[in-house]
Amino acid sequence: MVTDGFLTDGFLSNPAFLQQVIDAAPIVISIKDRDGRYVLCNQYSAERHGLAPSDFLGKTVSEIFKSQAENTFRDEITAIDTHVIATGMQIPFFEETIFVKNEERRLMTSKTPLIDESGETTFVLTIAIDISERKDMEAALIIAKEEAELANRTKSDFLANMSHELRTPLNSIIGFAQILSTGIFGPLGDRRYTEYAADIMHSGEHLLSVIGDVLDISKIEAGEAAIVDRELNIGEMLADSVAMIHERA
């Protein structure tokens, strides 16, 4: 158990220990004065840029980050730090883009004013977490979602076109089979012809129903299906099913 006295008189009263804690944190931690010069930079932040913490001390953002790619980054940091110094207001976590060894990285950053006893803002504390991998994952998920939606739309369009192409000849088959099975223009002769024509008609109607079901699935996936309550004749459904599979059975 750690006592308050131990904390006060021990580790937390030791500047070297506090610096060790700051350096060990896997986040960006830095402090700048009113002139925008670094007075503290932790090990994690410095090493990301291939520098040592001491390389930052007494220097401004412009003196540290000099490449052309970092122009916008330098201006944005300076503007935000100046705003915090002028207003004494904290800017809670916001996303920003920086360049680390010419590689674009995304940070979730917070700017906090450090105020002295007279109430004047003397320093700006910056704390930032690298969220580049998370942002890349989010972008990949968005792309995957868009690709899946495109594939689903393509499938729905294909099914709609296919159903139209199939329904037209099927309706003709069903219509002519009905004419033959009912003998509208006279008897066919052998009784089996009438039965075969009836089978053709029922098979065509079944296939037409299957196509309708496929389209209904597309409507359900698109959230456009309407539920309709109606009574079904179970006996007729079973008879139709048996007629479709009895030869194979």
Protein backbone atom coordinates (compact mmCIF):
# COMPACT_ATOMS: atom_id res chain seq x y z
CA MET A 1 0.00 0.00 0.00
CA VAL A 2 1.35 3.45 -0.98
CA THR A 3 0.86 6.21 1.58
CA ASP A 4 0.36 9.89 0.81
CA GLY A 5 3.62 10.65 2.57
CA PHE A 6 5.51 8.21 0.42
CA LEU A 7 4.08 9.80 -2.74
CA THR A 8 4.84 13.32 -1.55
CA ASP A 9 8.31 12.63 -0.22
CA GLY A 10 9.23 9.92 -2.69
CA PHE A 11 8.73 9.36 -6.39
CA LEU A 12 6.30 12.20 -7.19
CA SER A 13 8.58 14.79 -5.65
CA ASN A 14 11.43 13.60 -7.86
CA PRO A 15 11.57 15.51 -11.21
CA ALA A 16 13.65 12.75 -12.77
CA PHE A 17 10.96 10.20 -11.94
CA LEU A 18 8.20 12.42 -13.34
CA GLN A 19 10.21 12.84 -16.54
CA GLN A 20 10.63 9.06 -16.72
CA VAL A 21 6.84 8.63 -16.43
CA ILE A 22 6.24 11.20 -19.19
CA ASP A 23 8.81 9.56 -21.46
CA ALA A 24 7.33 6.11 -20.88
CA ALA A 25 3.83 7.16 -21.95
CA PRO A 26 3.09 5.95 -25.54
CA ILE A 27 1.46 9.25 -26.46
CA VAL A 28 2.63 12.65 -27.64
CA ILE A 29 3.24 15.01 -24.71
CA SER A 30 4.78 18.45 -25.13
CA ILE A 31 4.68 21.92 -23.55
CA LYS A 32 5.36 25.23 -25.30
CA ASP A 33 5.74 28.72 -23.84
CA ARG A 34 3.96 31.87 -24.94
CA ASP A 35 6.48 32.34 -27.77
CA GLY A 36 5.74 28.88 -29.12
CA ARG A 37 9.04 27.40 -27.98
CA TYR A 38 9.22 23.89 -26.60
CA VAL A 39 10.03 23.61 -22.92
CA LEU A 40 9.21 19.91 -22.73
CA CYS A 41 8.90 17.05 -25.21
CA ASN A 42 8.60 13.41 -24.18
CA GLN A 43 10.69 10.58 -25.58
CA TYR A 44 7.84 9.01 -27.58
CA SER A 45 7.10 12.23 -29.46
CA ALA A 46 10.75 13.00 -30.21
CA GLU A 47 11.67 9.51 -31.38
CA ARG A 48 8.80 9.49 -33.87
CA HIS A 49 10.62 12.26 -35.70
CA GLY A 50 14.03 10.68 -35.31
CA LEU A 51 15.08 13.24 -32.72
CA ALA A 52 15.90 13.41 -29.02
CA PRO A 53 13.74 15.36 -26.52
CA SER A 54 16.59 17.84 -26.08
CA ASP A 55 16.47 18.66 -29.81
CA PHE A 56 13.07 20.30 -29.25
CA LEU A 57 13.93 22.45 -26.26
CA GLY A 58 13.95 26.20 -26.98
CA LYS A 59 12.84 25.72 -30.59
CA THR A 60 9.59 26.57 -32.35
CA VAL A 61 7.49 24.30 -34.54
CA SER A 62 8.91 26.04 -37.64
CA GLU A 63 12.45 25.30 -36.55
CA ILE A 64 11.69 21.60 -35.97
CA PHE A 65 9.46 20.81 -38.93
CA LYS A 66 11.03 22.33 -42.04
CA SER A 67 9.91 20.19 -45.00
CA GLN A 68 7.52 21.45 -47.66
CA ALA A 69 4.99 18.78 -46.74
CA GLU A 70 4.81 20.15 -43.19
CA ASN A 71 3.90 23.74 -44.17
CA THR A 72 0.19 23.38 -43.44
CA PHE A 73 0.89 21.35 -40.32
CA ARG A 74 3.21 24.07 -38.93
CA ASP A 75 0.70 26.85 -39.61
CA GLU A 76 -2.20 24.96 -38.02
CA ILE A 77 -0.24 24.11 -34.86
CA THR A 78 0.97 27.69 -34.45
CA ALA A 79 -2.54 29.08 -34.94
CA ILE A 80 -4.09 26.71 -32.40
CA ASP A 81 -1.38 27.33 -29.79
CA THR A 82 -1.76 31.09 -30.25
CA HIS A 83 -5.52 30.80 -29.76
CA VAL A 84 -5.10 28.84 -26.52
CA ILE A 85 -2.57 31.40 -25.18
CA ALA A 86 -4.85 34.31 -26.10
CA THR A 87 -8.11 32.89 -24.73
CA GLY A 88 -6.92 30.63 -21.93
CA MET A 89 -9.47 28.11 -23.17
CA GLN A 90 -8.85 24.40 -23.57
CA ILE A 91 -9.41 22.82 -26.97
CA PRO A 92 -10.59 19.27 -26.25
CA PHE A 93 -9.72 16.33 -28.42
CA PHE A 94 -9.80 17.08 -32.14
CA GLU A 95 -8.36 15.30 -35.17
CA GLU A 96 -5.33 16.67 -36.95
CA THR A 97 -2.94 15.50 -39.65
CA ILE A 98 0.82 15.65 -39.15
CA PHE A 99 3.83 14.26 -41.00
CA VAL A 100 6.17 11.84 -39.28
CA LYS A 101 9.26 11.14 -41.41
CA ASN A 102 7.30 12.28 -44.49
CA GLU A 103 4.46 9.88 -43.64
CA GLU A 104 1.00 11.31 -43.03
CA ARG A 105 -0.35 10.40 -39.59
CA ARG A 106 -3.68 11.15 -37.92
CA LEU A 107 -3.73 12.31 -34.31
CA MET A 108 -6.44 12.88 -31.74
CA THR A 109 -5.08 15.98 -30.03
CA SER A 110 -5.93 18.09 -26.99
CA LYS A 111 -4.57 21.57 -26.16
CA THR A 112 -4.69 22.73 -22.53
CA PRO A 113 -3.57 26.11 -21.17
CA LEU A 114 -1.27 26.06 -18.11
CA ILE A 115 -2.06 29.10 -15.99
CA ASP A 116 0.23 30.71 -13.40
CA GLU A 117 -0.73 32.16 -10.02
CA SER A 118 -1.67 35.51 -11.56
CA GLY A 119 -4.19 33.82 -13.85
CA GLU A 120 -2.13 34.32 -16.99
CA THR A 121 -1.68 31.52 -19.51
CA THR A 122 2.05 30.86 -19.66
CA PHE A 123 2.27 27.50 -21.40
CA VAL A 124 0.29 25.22 -23.71
CA LEU A 125 0.17 21.51 -22.93
CA THR A 126 -0.31 19.24 -25.94
CA ILE A 127 -1.43 15.64 -25.55
CA ALA A 128 -2.07 13.53 -28.66
CA ILE A 129 -2.82 9.90 -29.50
CA ASP A 130 -1.93 8.40 -32.88
CA ILE A 131 -5.14 7.02 -34.42
CA SER A 132 -3.79 6.42 -37.94
CA GLU A 133 -4.37 2.65 -37.86
CA ARG A 134 -7.91 3.11 -36.59
CA LYS A 135 -8.66 5.67 -39.32
CA ASP A 136 -7.23 3.32 -41.95
CA MET A 137 -9.45 0.54 -40.63
CA GLU A 138 -12.50 2.81 -40.70
CA ALA A 139 -11.72 3.80 -44.30
CA ALA A 140 -11.31 0.13 -45.27
CA LEU A 141 -14.64 -0.72 -43.65
CA ILE A 142 -16.36 2.12 -45.51
CA ILE A 143 -14.90 0.92 -48.82
CA ALA A 144 -15.95 -2.66 -48.06
CA LYS A 145 -19.45 -1.48 -47.18
CA GLU A 146 -19.74 0.53 -50.39
CA GLU A 147 -18.48 -2.42 -52.45
CA ALA A 148 -20.99 -4.74 -50.76
CA GLU A 149 -23.82 -2.28 -51.41
CA LEU A 150 -22.75 -1.97 -55.05
CA ALA A 151 -22.65 -5.74 -55.42
CA ASN A 152 -26.08 -6.01 -53.84
CA ARG A 153 -27.52 -3.35 -56.16
CA THR A 154 -25.95 -5.09 -59.15
CA LYS A 155 -27.48 -8.38 -58.05
CA SER A 156 -30.89 -6.79 -57.59
CA ASP A 157 -30.71 -5.15 -61.03
CA PHE A 158 -29.70 -8.47 -62.58
CA LEU A 159 -32.56 -10.30 -60.88
CA ALA A 160 -35.05 -7.65 -61.98
CA ASN A 161 -33.89 -7.83 -65.60
CA MET A 162 -33.72 -11.62 -65.54
CA SER A 163 -37.23 -11.91 -64.14
CA HIS A 164 -38.58 -9.68 -66.89
CA GLU A 165 -36.85 -11.76 -69.56
CA LEU A 166 -38.18 -15.01 -68.07
CA ARG A 167 -41.69 -13.89 -67.23
CA THR A 168 -42.61 -12.94 -70.79
CA PRO A 169 -41.94 -16.38 -72.37
CA LEU A 170 -43.27 -18.15 -69.27
CA ASN A 171 -46.58 -16.34 -69.51
CA SER A 172 -46.81 -17.46 -73.14
CA ILE A 173 -46.01 -21.07 -72.20
CA ILE A 174 -48.57 -21.04 -69.40
CA GLY A 175 -51.20 -19.45 -71.64
CA PHE A 176 -50.76 -21.90 -74.50
CA ALA A 177 -50.59 -24.87 -72.11
CA GLN A 178 -53.86 -23.71 -70.56
CA ILE A 179 -55.46 -23.52 -74.01
CA LEU A 180 -54.30 -27.05 -74.81
CA SER A 181 -55.32 -28.54 -71.44
CA THR A 182 -58.83 -27.01 -71.58
CA GLY A 183 -59.31 -27.85 -75.26
CA ILE A 184 -60.67 -24.45 -76.22
CA PHE A 185 -60.18 -25.15 -79.94
CA GLY A 186 -61.21 -28.75 -79.76
CA PRO A 187 -59.96 -32.05 -78.27
CA LEU A 188 -56.30 -33.03 -78.58
CA GLY A 189 -57.10 -36.68 -79.08
CA ASP A 190 -55.22 -38.81 -76.58
CA ARG A 191 -56.08 -38.07 -72.92
CA ARG A 192 -52.38 -37.99 -72.04
CA TYR A 193 -51.85 -34.88 -74.15
CA THR A 194 -54.33 -33.04 -71.98
CA GLU A 195 -52.53 -34.22 -68.83
CA TYR A 196 -49.14 -33.23 -70.24
CA ALA A 197 -50.44 -29.79 -71.17
CA ALA A 198 -51.79 -29.38 -67.62
CA ASP A 199 -48.38 -30.43 -66.23
CA ILE A 200 -46.68 -27.85 -68.48
CA MET A 201 -49.06 -25.18 -67.23
CA HIS A 202 -48.55 -26.08 -63.55
CA SER A 203 -44.76 -26.28 -63.99
CA GLY A 204 -44.72 -22.88 -65.68
CA GLU A 205 -46.83 -21.41 -62.90
CA HIS A 206 -44.46 -22.89 -60.32
CA LEU A 207 -41.42 -21.46 -62.08
CA LEU A 208 -43.14 -18.09 -62.31
CA SER A 209 -43.82 -18.28 -58.57
CA VAL A 210 -40.13 -19.09 -57.90
CA ILE A 211 -39.07 -16.05 -59.91
CA GLY A 212 -41.49 -13.96 -57.87
CA ASP A 213 -39.96 -15.33 -54.66
CA VAL A 214 -36.45 -14.41 -55.86
CA LEU A 215 -37.62 -10.86 -56.51
CA ASP A 216 -39.29 -10.79 -53.10
CA ILE A 217 -35.94 -11.66 -51.50
CA SER A 218 -34.38 -8.67 -53.25
CA LYS A 219 -37.19 -6.45 -51.99
CA ILE A 220 -36.73 -7.77 -48.46
CA GLU A 221 -32.99 -7.03 -48.58
CA ALA A 222 -33.76 -3.51 -49.83
CA GLY A 223 -36.36 -3.00 -47.09
CA GLU A 224 -39.12 -2.53 -49.67
CA ALA A 225 -41.16 -5.67 -48.98
CA ALA A 226 -44.69 -5.38 -47.64
CA ILE A 227 -46.12 -8.15 -45.45
CA VAL A 228 -49.52 -9.39 -46.65
CA ASP A 229 -51.67 -11.77 -44.58
CA ARG A 230 -53.63 -14.34 -46.57
CA GLU A 231 -54.96 -17.84 -46.16
CA LEU A 232 -53.16 -20.78 -47.80
CA ASN A 233 -54.48 -24.17 -48.79
CA ILE A 234 -51.90 -26.51 -47.28
CA GLY A 235 -53.27 -29.48 -49.19
CA GLU A 236 -52.80 -27.76 -52.54
CA MET A 237 -49.28 -26.67 -51.60
CA LEU A 238 -48.33 -30.24 -50.65
CA ALA A 239 -49.88 -31.63 -53.81
CA ASP A 240 -47.93 -29.18 -55.96
CA SER A 241 -44.70 -30.07 -54.12
CA VAL A 242 -45.26 -33.78 -54.61
CA ALA A 243 -46.01 -33.28 -58.30
CA MET A 244 -42.67 -31.49 -58.73
CA ILE A 245 -40.51 -34.13 -57.05
CA HIS A 246 -42.35 -37.46 -57.37
CA GLU A 247 -40.45 -38.52 -60.52
CA ARG A 248 -37.08 -37.83 -58.87
CA ALA A 249 -38.23 -39.59 -55.69
